[in-house]
Amino acid sequence: MPKLTVHDAKGKKVGTYTIEPTDLAPRISKQLLHDAVVMYQANKRQGSHQTKTRAAVSGSTKKMYRQKGTGNARAGSRRSGIRRGGGHIHAIRNRDYSYSLPRKALQLAARMAIASKVRDDELTLIDKLEFDAPKTKDMVGILQHLGCHGESLLIATAGNLPNVYKSARNIQNVSISPAAELNALNVLSSRRLLITPEALDQIKERASSSSKGASSSSDSGSGSSDKVASSGAGS
């Protein structure tokens, strides 16, 4: 099994962490990752775009000139969509772009995204990440020691750590999130993932409990189908 190096705040090796991508997800589905990312991006859209129809623009409804005898094409309202200043023929209206995928599918997509970081060697482990007070300079120093400075980075912690969040929020291309709130979009949007072993343990634990739940439900489903088949054969 591959072993990831665990670093300290100075970038020195202090241990190893054994993990397989299959510990997080049985496989990596590009289609599921794509569907999850598109859903998160769609849910971020405001949908406040709007253009005016011929009923909404200002202008007289009086016929512009008589129907015949002028040599011009017949014309009615100045608000017509074919005239300058008129309304849009196919006007854009406000709409809600949001939709949702099944909760278990989104949870699996998040684990697949983290597994892809493990597979592609884009995950960095730090033994602990804590500050007594917010200090952006100290956070920048840690990222430089770990070789994560200057590229898009997502920092994942085991829980809500206000001092760590305040130390990282002003650094360009760096975002921070608790492990419980990771999703496919924020994981894949960053080039690297910086995470603590404690947070990675939480993700592995959720993955194992999810796989156990899926296997138990499949076992119960197969048992019920056997009963139905036996009763049918007996009758």
C-alpha atoms as a PDB file:
ATOM      1  CA  MET A   1       0.000   0.000   0.000  1.00  0.00           C
ATOM      2  CA  PRO A   2       1.294   3.513  -0.774  1.00  0.00           C
ATOM      3  CA  LYS A   3       2.611   5.531   2.117  1.00  0.00           C
ATOM      4  CA  LEU A   4       2.231   9.290   2.280  1.00  0.00           C
ATOM      5  CA  THR A   5       4.843  11.356   4.047  1.00  0.00           C
ATOM      6  CA  VAL A   6       3.664  13.298   7.082  1.00  0.00           C
ATOM      7  CA  HIS A   7       5.451  16.640   7.498  1.00  0.00           C
ATOM      8  CA  ASP A   8       5.698  19.070  10.358  1.00  0.00           C
ATOM      9  CA  ALA A   9       5.332  22.850  10.125  1.00  0.00           C
ATOM     10  CA  LYS A  10       8.997  23.135   9.071  1.00  0.00           C
ATOM     11  CA  GLY A  11       8.560  20.690   6.196  1.00  0.00           C
ATOM     12  CA  LYS A  12      10.510  17.874   7.873  1.00  0.00           C
ATOM     13  CA  LYS A  13       9.374  14.257   7.659  1.00  0.00           C
ATOM     14  CA  VAL A  14       7.902  13.094  10.958  1.00  0.00           C
ATOM     15  CA  GLY A  15       6.115   9.918   9.859  1.00  0.00           C
ATOM     16  CA  THR A  16       4.132   8.116   7.193  1.00  0.00           C
ATOM     17  CA  TYR A  17       0.456   7.517   6.533  1.00  0.00           C
ATOM     18  CA  THR A  18      -0.747   4.414   4.707  1.00  0.00           C
ATOM     19  CA  ILE A  19      -3.744   4.879   2.442  1.00  0.00           C
ATOM     20  CA  GLU A  20      -5.125   3.561  -0.836  1.00  0.00           C
ATOM     21  CA  PRO A  21      -7.513   5.492  -3.104  1.00  0.00           C
ATOM     22  CA  THR A  22      -9.874   2.528  -2.730  1.00  0.00           C
ATOM     23  CA  ASP A  23     -10.040   3.238   1.008  1.00  0.00           C
ATOM     24  CA  LEU A  24     -12.027   6.350   0.119  1.00  0.00           C
ATOM     25  CA  ALA A  25     -13.916   5.232  -2.985  1.00  0.00           C
ATOM     26  CA  PRO A  26     -14.090   1.870  -4.782  1.00  0.00           C
ATOM     27  CA  ARG A  27     -13.464   3.631  -8.098  1.00  0.00           C
ATOM     28  CA  ILE A  28     -13.247   7.149  -9.528  1.00  0.00           C
ATOM     29  CA  SER A  29     -16.117   7.985 -11.849  1.00  0.00           C
ATOM     30  CA  LYS A  30     -15.425  10.999 -14.045  1.00  0.00           C
ATOM     31  CA  GLN A  31     -19.101  11.196 -14.952  1.00  0.00           C
ATOM     32  CA  LEU A  32     -20.218  11.451 -11.319  1.00  0.00           C
ATOM     33  CA  LEU A  33     -17.537  14.050 -10.585  1.00  0.00           C
ATOM     34  CA  HIS A  34     -18.654  16.058 -13.617  1.00  0.00           C
ATOM     35  CA  ASP A  35     -22.312  15.875 -12.592  1.00  0.00           C
ATOM     36  CA  ALA A  36     -21.520  16.976  -9.033  1.00  0.00           C
ATOM     37  CA  VAL A  37     -19.332  19.918 -10.126  1.00  0.00           C
ATOM     38  CA  VAL A  38     -21.925  21.128 -12.639  1.00  0.00           C
ATOM     39  CA  MET A  39     -24.618  20.956  -9.942  1.00  0.00           C
ATOM     40  CA  TYR A  40     -22.574  23.020  -7.461  1.00  0.00           C
ATOM     41  CA  GLN A  41     -21.752  25.584 -10.141  1.00  0.00           C
ATOM     42  CA  ALA A  42     -25.392  25.812 -11.244  1.00  0.00           C
ATOM     43  CA  ASN A  43     -26.511  26.343  -7.654  1.00  0.00           C
ATOM     44  CA  LYS A  44     -24.147  29.321  -7.409  1.00  0.00           C
ATOM     45  CA  ARG A  45     -25.827  31.143 -10.317  1.00  0.00           C
ATOM     46  CA  GLN A  46     -27.996  34.088  -9.339  1.00  0.00           C
ATOM     47  CA  GLY A  47     -30.330  33.773 -12.293  1.00  0.00           C
ATOM     48  CA  SER A  48     -31.144  37.494 -12.060  1.00  0.00           C
ATOM     49  CA  HIS A  49     -30.668  38.186 -15.789  1.00  0.00           C
ATOM     50  CA  GLN A  50     -33.614  39.849 -17.472  1.00  0.00           C
ATOM     51  CA  THR A  51     -34.382  41.733 -20.675  1.00  0.00           C
ATOM     52  CA  LYS A  52     -37.497  43.684 -21.598  1.00  0.00           C
ATOM     53  CA  THR A  53     -40.251  42.435 -23.838  1.00  0.00           C
ATOM     54  CA  ARG A  54     -42.192  44.795 -26.141  1.00  0.00           C
ATOM     55  CA  ALA A  55     -44.716  45.164 -23.315  1.00  0.00           C
ATOM     56  CA  ALA A  56     -42.048  46.427 -20.895  1.00  0.00           C
ATOM     57  CA  VAL A  57     -40.256  49.025 -23.039  1.00  0.00           C
ATOM     58  CA  SER A  58     -41.474  52.605 -23.189  1.00  0.00           C
ATOM     59  CA  GLY A  59     -43.021  53.934 -26.373  1.00  0.00           C
ATOM     60  CA  SER A  60     -46.314  54.748 -28.014  1.00  0.00           C
ATOM     61  CA  THR A  61     -48.666  52.054 -29.232  1.00  0.00           C
ATOM     62  CA  LYS A  62     -49.918  54.347 -31.992  1.00  0.00           C
ATOM     63  CA  LYS A  63     -49.435  53.087 -35.533  1.00  0.00           C
ATOM     64  CA  MET A  64     -46.342  54.813 -36.904  1.00  0.00           C
ATOM     65  CA  TYR A  65     -47.843  55.743 -40.301  1.00  0.00           C
ATOM     66  CA  ARG A  66     -50.716  54.745 -42.505  1.00  0.00           C
ATOM     67  CA  GLN A  67     -50.853  51.250 -43.863  1.00  0.00           C
ATOM     68  CA  LYS A  68     -50.684  52.039 -47.588  1.00  0.00           C
ATOM     69  CA  GLY A  69     -49.368  54.675 -49.878  1.00  0.00           C
ATOM     70  CA  THR A  70     -46.101  55.596 -48.205  1.00  0.00           C
ATOM     71  CA  GLY A  71     -43.868  53.135 -50.036  1.00  0.00           C
ATOM     72  CA  ASN A  72     -42.611  51.782 -46.744  1.00  0.00           C
ATOM     73  CA  ALA A  73     -43.228  48.368 -45.315  1.00  0.00           C
ATOM     74  CA  ARG A  74     -46.297  48.275 -43.110  1.00  0.00           C
ATOM     75  CA  ALA A  75     -45.454  48.932 -39.466  1.00  0.00           C
ATOM     76  CA  GLY A  76     -47.371  49.129 -36.229  1.00  0.00           C
ATOM     77  CA  SER A  77     -45.892  49.768 -32.752  1.00  0.00           C
ATOM     78  CA  ARG A  78     -42.526  51.398 -32.153  1.00  0.00           C
ATOM     79  CA  ARG A  79     -41.964  48.706 -29.507  1.00  0.00           C
ATOM     80  CA  SER A  80     -41.555  45.992 -32.097  1.00  0.00           C
ATOM     81  CA  GLY A  81     -38.546  43.753 -31.577  1.00  0.00           C
ATOM     82  CA  ILE A  82     -37.206  44.459 -35.069  1.00  0.00           C
ATOM     83  CA  ARG A  83     -36.808  48.178 -34.342  1.00  0.00           C
ATOM     84  CA  ARG A  84     -34.054  49.942 -32.446  1.00  0.00           C
ATOM     85  CA  GLY A  85     -35.129  50.470 -28.848  1.00  0.00           C
ATOM     86  CA  GLY A  86     -37.871  47.880 -29.118  1.00  0.00           C
ATOM     87  CA  GLY A  87     -38.406  44.903 -26.869  1.00  0.00           C
ATOM     88  CA  HIS A  88     -36.585  41.607 -27.155  1.00  0.00           C
ATOM     89  CA  ILE A  89     -38.471  39.030 -29.171  1.00  0.00           C
ATOM     90  CA  HIS A  90     -37.275  36.111 -27.025  1.00  0.00           C
ATOM     91  CA  ALA A  91     -36.731  37.960 -23.758  1.00  0.00           C
ATOM     92  CA  ILE A  92     -34.585  36.474 -21.005  1.00  0.00           C
ATOM     93  CA  ARG A  93     -36.467  36.147 -17.735  1.00  0.00           C
ATOM     94  CA  ASN A  94     -35.388  35.527 -14.141  1.00  0.00           C
ATOM     95  CA  ARG A  95     -34.996  31.854 -13.356  1.00  0.00           C
ATOM     96  CA  ASP A  96     -33.672  29.501 -10.707  1.00  0.00           C
ATOM     97  CA  TYR A  97     -30.866  27.251 -11.962  1.00  0.00           C
ATOM     98  CA  SER A  98     -30.487  25.255  -8.755  1.00  0.00           C
ATOM     99  CA  TYR A  99     -31.148  21.539  -8.529  1.00  0.00           C
ATOM    100  CA  SER A 100     -29.898  18.708  -6.366  1.00  0.00           C
ATOM    101  CA  LEU A 101     -28.403  15.269  -6.810  1.00  0.00           C
ATOM    102  CA  PRO A 102     -28.934  12.446  -4.297  1.00  0.00           C
ATOM    103  CA  ARG A 103     -27.108  13.044  -1.025  1.00  0.00           C
ATOM    104  CA  LYS A 104     -25.213   9.744  -1.137  1.00  0.00           C
ATOM    105  CA  ALA A 105     -24.065  10.473  -4.692  1.00  0.00           C
ATOM    106  CA  LEU A 106     -22.618  13.833  -3.606  1.00  0.00           C
ATOM    107  CA  GLN A 107     -20.884  12.247  -0.618  1.00  0.00           C
ATOM    108  CA  LEU A 108     -19.376   9.607  -2.882  1.00  0.00           C
ATOM    109  CA  ALA A 109     -18.280  12.283  -5.371  1.00  0.00           C
ATOM    110  CA  ALA A 110     -16.467  14.151  -2.585  1.00  0.00           C
ATOM    111  CA  ARG A 111     -14.610  10.988  -1.568  1.00  0.00           C
ATOM    112  CA  MET A 112     -13.785  10.271  -5.226  1.00  0.00           C
ATOM    113  CA  ALA A 113     -12.299  13.755  -5.570  1.00  0.00           C
ATOM    114  CA  ILE A 114     -10.082  13.208  -2.512  1.00  0.00           C
ATOM    115  CA  ALA A 115      -9.114   9.748  -3.808  1.00  0.00           C
ATOM    116  CA  SER A 116      -8.047  11.352  -7.077  1.00  0.00           C
ATOM    117  CA  LYS A 117      -5.753  13.678  -5.119  1.00  0.00           C
ATOM    118  CA  VAL A 118      -4.170  10.645  -3.436  1.00  0.00           C
ATOM    119  CA  ARG A 119      -3.798   8.843  -6.771  1.00  0.00           C
ATOM    120  CA  ASP A 120      -2.269  11.856  -8.531  1.00  0.00           C
ATOM    121  CA  ASP A 121       0.089  12.663  -5.629  1.00  0.00           C
ATOM    122  CA  GLU A 122      -1.566  16.047  -5.095  1.00  0.00           C
ATOM    123  CA  LEU A 123      -2.210  15.557  -1.363  1.00  0.00           C
ATOM    124  CA  THR A 124       0.134  16.852   1.341  1.00  0.00           C
ATOM    125  CA  LEU A 125      -0.066  15.733   4.966  1.00  0.00           C
ATOM    126  CA  ILE A 126       0.886  17.929   7.925  1.00  0.00           C
ATOM    127  CA  ASP A 127       0.986  16.441  11.410  1.00  0.00           C
ATOM    128  CA  LYS A 128      -0.955  19.296  13.011  1.00  0.00           C
ATOM    129  CA  LEU A 129      -2.171  22.730  12.104  1.00  0.00           C
ATOM    130  CA  GLU A 130      -3.019  25.086  14.935  1.00  0.00           C
ATOM    131  CA  PHE A 131      -2.316  28.658  15.990  1.00  0.00           C
ATOM    132  CA  ASP A 132      -2.629  30.415  19.326  1.00  0.00           C
ATOM    133  CA  ALA A 133      -3.699  33.553  17.475  1.00  0.00           C
ATOM    134  CA  PRO A 134      -4.375  34.462  13.830  1.00  0.00           C
ATOM    135  CA  LYS A 135      -1.057  34.957  12.031  1.00  0.00           C
ATOM    136  CA  THR A 136      -0.987  35.071   8.241  1.00  0.00           C
ATOM    137  CA  LYS A 137       2.814  35.341   8.184  1.00  0.00           C
ATOM    138  CA  ASP A 138       3.174  32.041  10.047  1.00  0.00           C
ATOM    139  CA  MET A 139       0.743  30.330   7.678  1.00  0.00           C
ATOM    140  CA  VAL A 140       2.677  31.599   4.646  1.00  0.00           C
ATOM    141  CA  GLY A 141       5.877  30.246   6.194  1.00  0.00           C
ATOM    142  CA  ILE A 142       4.312  26.809   6.692  1.00  0.00           C
ATOM    143  CA  LEU A 143       3.110  26.702   3.085  1.00  0.00           C
ATOM    144  CA  GLN A 144       6.559  27.675   1.832  1.00  0.00           C
ATOM    145  CA  HIS A 145       8.208  24.932   3.887  1.00  0.00           C
ATOM    146  CA  LEU A 146       5.744  22.386   2.500  1.00  0.00           C
ATOM    147  CA  GLY A 147       6.185  23.550  -1.100  1.00  0.00           C
ATOM    148  CA  CYS A 148       2.521  24.556  -1.393  1.00  0.00           C
ATOM    149  CA  HIS A 149       2.978  28.302  -1.744  1.00  0.00           C
ATOM    150  CA  GLY A 150       2.146  29.963  -5.045  1.00  0.00           C
ATOM    151  CA  GLU A 151      -0.454  27.479  -6.308  1.00  0.00           C
ATOM    152  CA  SER A 152      -4.121  26.944  -5.631  1.00  0.00           C
ATOM    153  CA  LEU A 153      -4.507  25.116  -2.337  1.00  0.00           C
ATOM    154  CA  LEU A 154      -7.319  23.756  -0.201  1.00  0.00           C
ATOM    155  CA  ILE A 155      -6.598  23.272   3.501  1.00  0.00           C
ATOM    156  CA  ALA A 156      -8.743  20.662   5.250  1.00  0.00           C
ATOM    157  CA  THR A 157      -8.878  20.477   9.033  1.00  0.00           C
ATOM    158  CA  ALA A 158     -10.542  18.025  11.394  1.00  0.00           C
ATOM    159  CA  GLY A 159     -12.924  20.673  12.739  1.00  0.00           C
ATOM    160  CA  ASN A 160     -13.663  24.392  12.816  1.00  0.00           C
ATOM    161  CA  LEU A 161     -10.437  26.185  13.762  1.00  0.00           C
ATOM    162  CA  PRO A 162     -11.033  29.968  13.756  1.00  0.00           C
ATOM    163  CA  ASN A 163      -7.366  30.913  14.144  1.00  0.00           C
ATOM    164  CA  VAL A 164      -6.295  28.670  11.258  1.00  0.00           C
ATOM    165  CA  TYR A 165      -9.111  30.044   9.091  1.00  0.00           C
ATOM    166  CA  LYS A 166      -8.209  33.662   9.855  1.00  0.00           C
ATOM    167  CA  SER A 167      -4.540  32.960   9.170  1.00  0.00           C
ATOM    168  CA  ALA A 168      -5.234  31.546   5.711  1.00  0.00           C
ATOM    169  CA  ARG A 169      -8.192  33.550   4.422  1.00  0.00           C
ATOM    170  CA  ASN A 170      -6.128  36.476   3.091  1.00  0.00           C
ATOM    171  CA  ILE A 171      -3.626  34.333   1.175  1.00  0.00           C
ATOM    172  CA  GLN A 172      -4.208  34.334  -2.557  1.00  0.00           C
ATOM    173  CA  ASN A 173      -5.536  31.083  -4.066  1.00  0.00           C
ATOM    174  CA  VAL A 174      -5.819  29.459  -0.632  1.00  0.00           C
ATOM    175  CA  SER A 175      -9.112  28.263   0.823  1.00  0.00           C
ATOM    176  CA  ILE A 176      -9.850  26.362   4.020  1.00  0.00           C
ATOM    177  CA  SER A 177     -12.640  24.009   5.005  1.00  0.00           C
ATOM    178  CA  PRO A 178     -13.407  21.445   7.709  1.00  0.00           C
ATOM    179  CA  ALA A 179     -13.183  17.867   6.474  1.00  0.00           C
ATOM    180  CA  ALA A 180     -16.901  17.362   7.080  1.00  0.00           C
ATOM    181  CA  GLU A 181     -17.733  20.161   4.606  1.00  0.00           C
ATOM    182  CA  LEU A 182     -15.542  19.069   1.696  1.00  0.00           C
ATOM    183  CA  ASN A 183     -17.278  18.561  -1.625  1.00  0.00           C
ATOM    184  CA  ALA A 184     -16.262  17.644  -5.151  1.00  0.00           C
ATOM    185  CA  LEU A 185     -16.166  21.249  -6.337  1.00  0.00           C
ATOM    186  CA  ASN A 186     -13.847  22.763  -3.721  1.00  0.00           C
ATOM    187  CA  VAL A 187     -11.538  19.730  -3.791  1.00  0.00           C
ATOM    188  CA  LEU A 188     -11.172  19.684  -7.583  1.00  0.00           C
ATOM    189  CA  SER A 189     -10.971  23.492  -7.863  1.00  0.00           C
ATOM    190  CA  SER A 190      -7.629  23.499  -6.036  1.00  0.00           C
ATOM    191  CA  ARG A 191      -4.407  22.068  -7.413  1.00  0.00           C
ATOM    192  CA  ARG A 192      -3.278  20.631  -4.066  1.00  0.00           C
ATOM    193  CA  LEU A 193      -4.950  19.474  -0.885  1.00  0.00           C
ATOM    194  CA  LEU A 194      -3.260  20.080   2.474  1.00  0.00           C
ATOM    195  CA  ILE A 195      -4.814  17.945   5.184  1.00  0.00           C
ATOM    196  CA  THR A 196      -4.057  16.652   8.665  1.00  0.00           C
ATOM    197  CA  PRO A 197      -4.007  12.912   9.468  1.00  0.00           C
ATOM    198  CA  GLU A 198      -6.871  13.450  11.901  1.00  0.00           C
ATOM    199  CA  ALA A 199      -9.055  14.923   9.168  1.00  0.00           C
ATOM    200  CA  LEU A 200      -8.089  12.151   6.747  1.00  0.00           C
ATOM    201  CA  ASP A 201      -9.011   9.578   9.419  1.00  0.00           C
ATOM    202  CA  GLN A 202     -12.466  11.131   9.622  1.00  0.00           C
ATOM    203  CA  ILE A 203     -12.928  10.833   5.860  1.00  0.00           C
ATOM    204  CA  LYS A 204     -11.736   7.211   5.837  1.00  0.00           C
ATOM    205  CA  GLU A 205     -14.082   6.380   8.706  1.00  0.00           C
ATOM    206  CA  ARG A 206     -17.070   7.832   6.847  1.00  0.00           C
ATOM    207  CA  ALA A 207     -16.061   5.944   3.709  1.00  0.00           C
ATOM    208  CA  SER A 208     -15.814   2.633   5.574  1.00  0.00           C
ATOM    209  CA  SER A 209     -19.144   3.138   7.339  1.00  0.00           C
ATOM    210  CA  SER A 210     -20.769   4.040   4.028  1.00  0.00           C
ATOM    211  CA  SER A 211     -19.408   0.922   2.328  1.00  0.00           C
ATOM    212  CA  LYS A 212     -20.572  -1.255   5.237  1.00  0.00           C
ATOM    213  CA  GLY A 213     -24.047   0.252   5.015  1.00  0.00           C
ATOM    214  CA  ALA A 214     -24.190  -0.379   1.280  1.00  0.00           C
ATOM    215  CA  SER A 215     -23.062  -3.998   1.655  1.00  0.00           C
ATOM    216  CA  SER A 216     -25.540  -4.699   4.448  1.00  0.00           C
ATOM    217  CA  SER A 217     -28.416  -3.259   2.427  1.00  0.00           C
ATOM    218  CA  SER A 218     -27.433  -5.341  -0.608  1.00  0.00           C
ATOM    219  CA  ASP A 219     -27.268  -8.456   1.562  1.00  0.00           C
ATOM    220  CA  SER A 220     -30.738  -7.831   2.988  1.00  0.00           C
ATOM    221  CA  GLY A 221     -32.073  -7.198  -0.520  1.00  0.00           C
ATOM    222  CA  SER A 222     -30.666 -10.476  -1.832  1.00  0.00           C
ATOM    223  CA  GLY A 223     -32.115 -12.345   1.153  1.00  0.00           C
ATOM    224  CA  SER A 224     -35.598 -11.008   0.533  1.00  0.00           C
ATOM    225  CA  SER A 225     -35.391 -11.930  -3.145  1.00  0.00           C
ATOM    226  CA  ASP A 226     -34.417 -15.494  -2.181  1.00  0.00           C
ATOM    227  CA  LYS A 227     -37.461 -15.755   0.055  1.00  0.00           C
ATOM    228  CA  VAL A 228     -39.730 -14.593  -2.723  1.00  0.00           C
ATOM    229  CA  ALA A 229     -38.203 -17.071  -5.126  1.00  0.00           C
ATOM    230  CA  SER A 230     -38.562 -19.970  -2.672  1.00  0.00           C
ATOM    231  CA  SER A 231     -42.156 -19.124  -1.893  1.00  0.00           C
ATOM    232  CA  GLY A 232     -42.920 -18.925  -5.584  1.00  0.00           C
ATOM    233  CA  ALA A 233     -41.322 -22.277  -6.200  1.00  0.00           C
ATOM    234  CA  GLY A 234     -43.273 -23.851  -3.303  1.00  0.00           C
ATOM    235  CA  SER A 235     -46.604 -22.639  -4.611  1.00  0.00           C
END
